[in-house]
Protein backbone atom coordinates (compact mmCIF):
# COMPACT_ATOMS: atom_id res chain seq x y z
CA MET A 1 0.00 0.00 0.00
CA SER A 2 1.52 3.35 -1.08
CA THR A 3 1.63 6.31 1.29
CA LEU A 4 0.63 9.78 0.02
CA THR A 5 2.23 12.83 1.65
CA TYR A 6 0.49 16.20 1.49
CA GLN A 7 2.62 19.31 1.00
CA SER A 8 1.08 22.79 1.11
CA ALA A 9 1.72 25.26 -1.72
CA PRO A 10 4.01 27.56 0.34
CA ASP A 11 6.09 24.59 1.51
CA LEU A 12 6.35 23.31 -2.06
CA LEU A 13 7.47 26.72 -3.33
CA ALA A 14 10.03 26.99 -0.52
CA ASP A 15 11.50 23.63 -1.53
CA LEU A 16 11.65 24.69 -5.18
CA ASP A 17 13.34 28.01 -4.28
CA ARG A 18 15.82 26.19 -2.06
CA ASP A 19 16.72 23.87 -4.93
CA ARG A 20 17.14 26.81 -7.32
CA ILE A 21 19.34 28.70 -4.85
CA GLU A 22 21.53 25.65 -4.36
CA GLN A 23 21.88 25.33 -8.15
CA GLY A 24 22.77 29.04 -8.46
CA ASP A 25 19.70 30.04 -10.50
CA ILE A 26 18.58 32.85 -8.17
CA ARG A 27 20.81 35.87 -7.68
CA THR A 28 20.07 39.14 -5.88
CA GLU A 29 20.90 42.47 -7.45
CA GLU A 30 21.68 45.77 -5.75
CA MET A 31 19.32 48.66 -6.36
CA LEU A 32 19.54 52.41 -5.81
CA VAL A 33 16.43 53.80 -4.14
CA ASN A 34 15.68 57.51 -3.85
CA MET A 35 14.12 58.35 -0.50
CA GLY A 36 12.94 61.94 -0.88
CA PRO A 37 13.26 64.83 -1.42
CA GLN A 38 9.44 64.70 -1.23
CA HIS A 39 8.97 62.02 1.40
CA PRO A 40 7.14 62.32 4.75
CA ALA A 41 9.80 60.40 6.69
CA THR A 42 12.72 62.65 5.70
CA HIS A 43 11.45 65.60 7.79
CA GLY A 44 11.82 68.10 4.97
CA VAL A 45 13.34 68.26 1.51
CA LEU A 46 16.12 65.77 2.23
CA ARG A 47 17.06 63.26 -0.46
CA VAL A 48 18.75 60.07 0.68
CA VAL A 49 20.07 57.70 -1.96
CA LEU A 50 19.91 54.17 -0.57
CA ARG A 51 21.94 51.31 -2.01
CA THR A 52 19.90 48.25 -1.18
CA ASP A 53 20.13 44.50 -1.50
CA GLY A 54 16.59 43.33 -1.05
CA GLU A 55 15.40 44.79 2.27
CA MET A 56 18.95 45.46 3.48
CA VAL A 57 20.43 48.95 3.21
CA LEU A 58 24.11 48.73 2.32
CA GLU A 59 24.75 52.46 2.05
CA ALA A 60 22.85 55.71 2.62
CA VAL A 61 24.07 58.96 1.08
CA PRO A 62 22.22 62.19 2.03
CA HIS A 63 21.89 64.88 -0.65
CA ILE A 64 21.14 68.37 0.66
CA GLY A 65 20.69 71.87 -0.73
CA TYR A 66 17.03 71.84 -1.78
CA LEU A 67 16.22 74.57 0.78
CA HIS A 68 19.31 76.74 0.40
CA ARG A 69 18.45 80.45 0.61
CA CYS A 70 21.85 82.18 0.95
CA ALA A 71 21.14 83.01 4.60
CA GLU A 72 24.75 83.84 5.45
CA LYS A 73 25.22 86.15 2.45
CA ILE A 74 22.04 88.01 3.38
CA GLY A 75 23.56 88.62 6.83
CA GLU A 76 26.43 90.48 5.14
CA ASN A 77 24.04 92.93 3.47
CA VAL A 78 21.74 94.04 6.30
CA ALA A 79 22.18 95.47 9.79
CA PRO A 80 22.15 92.94 12.65
CA TYR A 81 18.70 93.95 13.92
CA GLN A 82 17.36 93.49 10.35
CA TYR A 83 18.89 89.99 10.16
CA ILE A 84 16.99 88.66 13.20
CA PRO A 85 13.91 87.61 11.11
CA TYR A 86 16.16 85.54 8.84
CA THR A 87 17.40 83.48 11.79
CA ASP A 88 13.79 82.44 12.46
CA ARG A 89 13.78 80.72 9.07
CA MET A 90 16.76 78.48 9.80
CA ASP A 91 15.48 76.09 12.47
CA TYR A 92 11.88 77.20 12.07
CA LEU A 93 10.75 74.97 14.95
CA ALA A 94 13.02 76.85 17.37
CA GLY A 95 12.91 80.45 16.22
CA MET A 96 13.39 81.89 19.72
CA ASN A 97 16.61 79.93 20.19
CA ASN A 98 17.94 81.04 16.80
CA ASN A 99 17.13 84.68 17.61
CA LEU A 100 19.02 84.27 20.89
CA ALA A 101 22.16 82.80 19.27
CA PHE A 102 22.61 85.60 16.73
CA ALA A 103 21.64 88.40 19.12
CA MET A 104 24.17 87.24 21.72
CA ALA A 105 26.90 86.90 19.08
CA VAL A 106 26.41 90.53 18.04
CA GLU A 107 26.25 91.65 21.68
CA LYS A 108 29.53 89.85 22.34
CA LEU A 109 31.15 91.60 19.39
CA VAL A 110 30.15 95.09 20.54
CA GLY A 111 30.55 94.37 24.26
CA MET A 112 26.92 95.02 25.12
CA GLU A 113 25.32 94.01 28.40
CA ILE A 114 21.53 93.83 28.32
CA PRO A 115 19.10 94.49 31.21
CA LYS A 116 18.61 91.65 33.69
CA ARG A 117 14.88 91.54 33.10
CA ALA A 118 15.50 90.88 29.41
CA VAL A 119 17.88 88.03 30.33
CA TYR A 120 15.20 86.20 32.33
CA ILE A 121 12.60 86.74 29.60
CA ARG A 122 15.04 85.25 27.09
CA VAL A 123 15.50 82.17 29.26
CA ILE A 124 11.75 81.66 29.60
CA PHE A 125 11.10 81.89 25.87
CA ALA A 126 14.15 79.82 24.90
CA GLU A 127 13.12 76.99 27.22
CA MET A 128 9.46 77.13 26.21
CA ASN A 129 10.55 76.92 22.58
CA ARG A 130 12.72 73.92 23.51
CA ILE A 131 9.61 72.20 24.87
CA ALA A 132 7.58 73.11 21.77
CA SER A 133 10.35 71.82 19.49
CA HIS A 134 10.70 68.53 21.39
CA LEU A 135 6.91 68.07 21.23
CA VAL A 136 7.07 68.24 17.43
CA SER A 137 10.02 65.85 17.45
CA MET A 138 8.17 63.37 19.67
CA GLY A 139 4.92 63.55 17.74
CA ALA A 140 6.50 63.35 14.29
CA TYR A 141 8.75 60.47 15.39
CA GLY A 142 5.75 58.51 16.58
CA LEU A 143 4.13 59.20 13.20
CA ASP A 144 7.24 57.85 11.44
CA MET A 145 6.93 54.66 13.47
CA GLY A 146 3.23 54.26 12.66
CA ALA A 147 1.71 55.78 15.83
CA PHE A 148 -0.72 58.58 14.96
CA THR A 149 -2.18 59.45 18.39
CA PRO A 150 1.01 60.86 20.02
CA PHE A 151 1.21 63.39 17.19
CA LEU A 152 -2.21 64.77 18.16
CA TYR A 153 -1.28 64.86 21.86
CA ALA A 154 1.97 66.72 21.11
CA PHE A 155 0.32 69.36 18.96
CA ARG A 156 -2.42 69.88 21.54
CA GLU A 157 0.17 71.06 24.07
CA ARG A 158 2.27 72.90 21.49
CA GLU A 159 -0.71 75.02 20.48
CA ARG A 160 -0.99 76.34 24.02
CA ILE A 161 2.70 77.29 23.99
CA LEU A 162 2.22 79.10 20.68
CA ASP A 163 -0.71 80.95 22.24
CA LEU A 164 1.71 82.27 24.86
CA PHE A 165 4.23 83.27 22.19
CA GLU A 166 1.51 85.01 20.18
CA SER A 167 0.40 87.01 23.21
CA ALA A 168 3.96 88.32 23.63
CA CYS A 169 5.05 89.00 20.05
CA GLY A 170 2.06 88.43 17.75
CA ALA A 171 3.59 85.46 15.89
CA ARG A 172 3.27 81.69 16.20
CA LEU A 173 6.24 80.41 14.16
CA THR A 174 8.70 83.13 13.12
CA TYR A 175 8.93 85.38 16.14
CA SER A 176 11.82 87.89 15.90
CA TYR A 177 11.09 88.50 19.58
CA ILE A 178 14.57 88.07 21.03
CA THR A 179 16.63 90.74 19.31
CA VAL A 180 19.93 92.58 19.59
CA SER A 181 20.02 94.50 22.92
CA GLY A 182 17.19 92.55 24.61
CA VAL A 183 13.66 91.58 23.61
CA THR A 184 11.24 93.61 21.48
CA ASP A 185 8.70 94.16 24.25
CA ASP A 186 7.92 93.21 27.83
CA VAL A 187 5.65 90.26 28.55
CA PRO A 188 1.91 91.06 28.69
CA GLU A 189 0.00 91.55 31.90
CA LYS A 190 -0.83 88.25 33.66
CA PHE A 191 1.50 86.41 31.24
CA LEU A 192 3.41 84.77 34.11
CA ASP A 193 0.16 83.56 35.70
CA VAL A 194 -1.00 81.95 32.46
CA LEU A 195 2.46 80.44 31.95
CA SER A 196 2.47 78.94 35.45
CA GLU A 197 -0.98 77.44 34.85
CA PHE A 198 0.29 75.86 31.64
CA LEU A 199 3.31 74.33 33.40
CA ASP A 200 1.01 72.80 36.04
CA TYR A 201 -1.10 71.35 33.24
CA PHE A 202 1.81 70.20 31.08
CA GLU A 203 4.07 68.40 33.54
CA PRO A 204 1.72 65.41 34.14
CA LYS A 205 1.27 65.07 30.36
CA ILE A 206 4.86 63.83 30.02
CA THR A 207 3.83 60.70 31.93
CA GLU A 208 1.06 60.23 29.36
CA TYR A 209 3.59 60.45 26.52
CA ASN A 210 5.71 57.78 28.17
CA ASP A 211 2.72 55.47 28.66
CA LEU A 212 1.50 56.09 25.13
CA LEU A 213 4.77 55.96 23.17
CA SER A 214 8.07 55.83 25.08
CA PHE A 215 7.41 52.46 26.75
CA ASN A 216 5.17 51.07 24.02
CA HIS A 217 6.35 47.58 23.13
CA ILE A 218 6.13 48.10 19.36
CA PHE A 219 7.87 51.48 19.51
CA ILE A 220 10.72 49.99 21.55
CA LYS A 221 11.11 47.16 19.03
CA ARG A 222 11.38 49.71 16.22
CA THR A 223 13.92 51.97 17.93
CA ALA A 224 16.01 49.94 20.42
CA ASN A 225 19.35 48.64 19.07
CA VAL A 226 18.79 50.60 15.84
CA GLY A 227 21.12 53.33 14.57
CA VAL A 228 23.63 52.97 17.39
CA ILE A 229 26.08 55.87 17.76
CA THR A 230 28.96 55.02 20.08
CA PRO A 231 30.41 57.76 22.33
CA ALA A 232 33.62 57.71 20.29
CA ASP A 233 31.72 58.17 17.02
CA ALA A 234 29.57 60.93 18.51
CA LEU A 235 32.71 62.92 19.38
CA ALA A 236 34.54 62.11 16.15
CA TRP A 237 31.65 63.35 13.99
CA GLY A 238 31.18 66.58 15.96
CA LEU A 239 27.64 65.82 17.09
CA SER A 240 25.84 67.94 19.67
CA GLY A 241 22.56 68.26 21.51
CA PRO A 242 20.33 65.24 22.26
CA VAL A 243 22.13 63.23 19.54
CA LEU A 244 25.40 63.59 21.47
CA ARG A 245 23.85 63.19 24.92
CA GLY A 246 21.92 60.14 23.70
CA SER A 247 25.31 58.41 23.43
CA GLY A 248 25.96 58.96 27.13
CA ILE A 249 28.09 62.12 26.91
CA ARG A 250 26.99 64.75 29.43
CA TRP A 251 27.76 67.89 27.44
CA ASP A 252 25.34 70.81 27.48
CA LEU A 253 26.44 74.39 26.86
CA ARG A 254 23.92 75.61 29.43
CA LYS A 255 26.08 73.84 32.03
CA VAL A 256 29.63 73.96 30.69
CA GLN A 257 29.45 77.52 29.27
CA PRO A 258 26.49 79.04 31.13
CA LEU A 259 25.65 82.19 29.18
CA CYS A 260 22.36 84.06 29.62
CA ALA A 261 22.36 83.49 33.41
CA TYR A 262 21.94 79.71 33.12
CA ASP A 263 24.36 79.33 36.00
CA GLU A 264 21.63 80.76 38.27
CA PHE A 265 19.27 77.83 37.59
CA GLU A 266 19.21 74.30 38.94
CA PHE A 267 18.62 71.57 36.36
CA ASP A 268 20.02 68.22 35.27
CA VAL A 269 21.47 67.14 31.93
CA PRO A 270 19.76 63.90 30.78
CA ILE A 271 21.89 61.37 28.89
CA GLY A 272 21.28 58.02 27.22
CA ASP A 273 21.97 54.93 29.32
CA GLY A 274 21.15 52.02 27.01
CA ARG A 275 18.03 51.27 29.02
CA MET A 276 16.19 49.49 26.18
CA GLY A 277 19.15 48.25 24.15
CA HIS A 278 22.60 49.45 23.15
CA LEU A 279 23.84 52.79 24.45
CA GLY A 280 23.33 55.46 21.80
CA ASP A 281 20.47 53.83 19.89
CA CYS A 282 17.43 55.59 18.47
CA TRP A 283 15.42 55.06 21.65
CA ASP A 284 18.10 56.71 23.81
CA ARG A 285 18.15 59.81 21.59
CA TYR A 286 14.37 60.01 21.65
CA PHE A 287 14.11 59.62 25.42
CA VAL A 288 16.74 62.30 26.11
CA ARG A 289 14.33 64.80 24.51
CA ILE A 290 11.46 63.61 26.68
CA GLN A 291 13.58 64.10 29.81
CA GLU A 292 14.78 67.50 28.62
CA MET A 293 11.20 68.75 28.59
CA ILE A 294 11.01 67.99 32.32
CA GLN A 295 14.21 69.96 32.94
CA SER A 296 12.96 72.88 30.85
CA VAL A 297 9.86 73.05 33.05
CA ARG A 298 12.17 73.28 36.09
CA ILE A 299 14.16 76.11 34.51
CA VAL A 300 11.07 78.09 33.49
CA ARG A 301 9.57 77.84 36.99
CA GLN A 302 12.76 79.31 38.47
CA ALA A 303 12.92 82.00 35.78
CA ILE A 304 9.33 83.03 36.55
CA SER A 305 10.29 83.61 40.18
CA LYS A 306 13.35 85.64 39.21
CA LEU A 307 11.49 87.68 36.60
CA ALA A 308 8.71 88.53 39.05
CA GLY A 309 11.30 90.22 41.25
CA THR A 310 12.76 92.46 38.53
CA THR A 311 11.61 95.73 36.98
CA GLY A 312 12.91 98.10 34.37
CA ASP A 313 13.64 98.11 30.65
CA VAL A 314 13.81 94.98 28.52
CA LYS A 315 15.78 96.53 25.66
CA LEU A 316 18.53 99.08 25.13
CA LYS A 317 17.81 101.92 22.75
CA ALA A 318 21.04 101.68 20.74
CA ALA A 319 20.29 98.60 18.59
CA LYS A 320 19.52 100.48 15.34
CA SER A 321 22.57 102.75 15.58
CA LEU A 322 25.15 100.04 16.29
CA LYS A 323 28.54 100.23 14.62
CA LEU A 324 30.38 96.92 14.55
CA PRO A 325 34.05 97.24 15.53
CA GLN A 326 36.86 95.86 13.39
CA ASP A 327 36.87 92.59 15.25
CA GLU A 328 35.12 89.24 15.23
CA ALA A 329 33.08 87.24 17.72
CA TYR A 330 31.86 83.65 17.74
CA LEU A 331 29.20 82.41 20.12
CA GLU A 332 27.27 79.17 20.46
CA VAL A 333 24.07 78.43 22.38
CA GLU A 334 22.39 75.13 23.24
CA CYS A 335 19.41 74.92 20.90
CA PRO A 336 16.87 72.04 20.90
CA ARG A 337 18.84 70.21 18.20
CA GLY A 338 22.32 71.00 19.45
CA GLN A 339 24.87 73.78 19.34
CA LEU A 340 24.01 76.67 17.03
CA GLY A 341 26.86 79.12 16.60
CA PHE A 342 27.28 82.42 14.77
CA LEU A 343 30.50 84.08 13.68
CA VAL A 344 30.08 87.82 13.14
CA VAL A 345 32.96 89.88 11.70
CA GLY A 346 32.78 93.68 11.80
CA ASP A 347 34.67 96.27 9.75
CA GLY A 348 33.63 99.47 11.52
CA SER A 349 30.34 99.91 9.67
CA ALA A 350 26.77 99.02 10.65
CA ILE A 351 26.74 96.03 8.27
CA PRO A 352 28.71 92.87 9.18
CA TYR A 353 31.65 92.06 6.92
CA ARG A 354 31.09 88.31 7.41
CA VAL A 355 28.32 86.20 8.94
CA LYS A 356 28.77 82.46 9.33
CA ALA A 357 26.39 79.99 10.99
CA ARG A 358 27.33 76.63 12.47
CA GLY A 359 24.12 74.59 12.29
CA ALA A 360 23.68 71.66 14.66
CA CYS A 361 21.45 69.79 12.20
CA PHE A 362 24.08 69.98 9.44
CA CYS A 363 26.72 68.38 11.64
CA ASN A 364 24.33 65.80 13.15
CA LEU A 365 23.10 64.71 9.71
CA SER A 366 26.66 63.99 8.60
CA ILE A 367 26.73 60.72 10.55
CA LEU A 368 23.71 59.27 8.71
CA GLY A 369 25.80 57.43 6.14
CA HIS A 370 27.91 55.92 8.90
CA ILE A 371 25.08 54.47 11.00
CA ALA A 372 22.53 53.63 8.27
CA ARG A 373 24.48 50.63 7.00
CA ASN A 374 23.55 46.96 7.09
CA CYS A 375 20.15 47.83 8.48
CA LEU A 376 16.66 47.17 7.20
CA LEU A 377 14.95 49.58 4.83
CA ALA A 378 12.27 50.19 7.49
CA ASP A 379 14.98 51.28 9.95
CA VAL A 380 16.02 54.31 7.87
CA PRO A 381 13.02 56.48 8.91
CA ALA A 382 13.70 55.48 12.54
CA ILE A 383 17.32 56.62 12.23
CA ILE A 384 16.56 59.91 10.45
CA GLY A 385 13.76 60.73 12.88
CA SER A 386 16.00 60.08 15.89
CA ILE A 387 18.55 62.62 14.59
CA ASP A 388 15.69 65.19 14.46
CA ILE A 389 16.80 67.45 11.62
CA VAL A 390 15.22 70.61 10.26
CA MET A 391 16.28 71.20 6.67
CA GLY A 392 16.06 74.96 7.02
CA GLU A 393 19.07 74.79 9.33
CA VAL A 394 20.88 72.12 7.33
CA ASP A 395 20.77 74.06 4.04
CA ARG A 396 20.40 77.68 5.22
């Protein structure tokens, strides 16, 4: 009596493919895939050319320049106070921080000391913009990983921060509020009360973000042990901000070079610790930003107390009549995405001879080709999102 064996179609095909592979009939072929410049996971007009072998990425080469607007050359043709609005357009998710970096570089060049009240207002708005920027980063990163709800939660809180910004300067994205010699105007009446109410509302929301996304099993699987940047590589590639601190390096300009009265505030510098996988992976970089929002709340609460005890002007009157000495000054500040620096060279006139920007996103993006190798195609959006770039600052 003969015995019949049943073999399902998938099993039969697997056996046939195995035979063909053993005989050398099936060969894979490398392919170049364009990711961007119009792609939702590239966070702007970034084009990444991927060399792939099936689902494996063998090489990733970023191509930039699609948003170049000659920002530095413009700075050499206008007075410093006229250039402030152009800095908003660099990292357009952190306009306050960009305003601060350029304004302080010019003030360093001319040796200007601004009123103390203006200093505390600058700290409040810089830290609130850091929170708003990290909310966009968190929400958009969840969207990249397939989670839609965190994006709505993040923008719900960000809208309330933009309401506060609008009440102070009339704008919600490009502010030009922090300017050379101080800030354009004092905060509105009852602004500090509304701000304090928001902080009381916002702080518990961070726990919600962690429950919803940070410690979500699927999100961890997509980000842990992916895109690992070792501490040595982070230093060698000149990274800064959460991308550097995500690799376990405790370097924050607000601590090591405390300009703008940051030495008067108590706060911690969060770093990656490899909690969910390897030190310096995508999850570490993401979680550093979540923790930084908590520290920014601490700083703003202290700044509110200090500001409430000050009176006087918030701006010097000499900004429009400044003459830049024949000298140069370079200054960096800790922006949400890392160290943003401006070099300003004067020649005795009111117009800078040279303006040069050192963008954190440009330097952080440079490591993409190094870490996006021998990974899956689906890991590339996770890696790019964890670097948190804004193409306006990359291209300028």
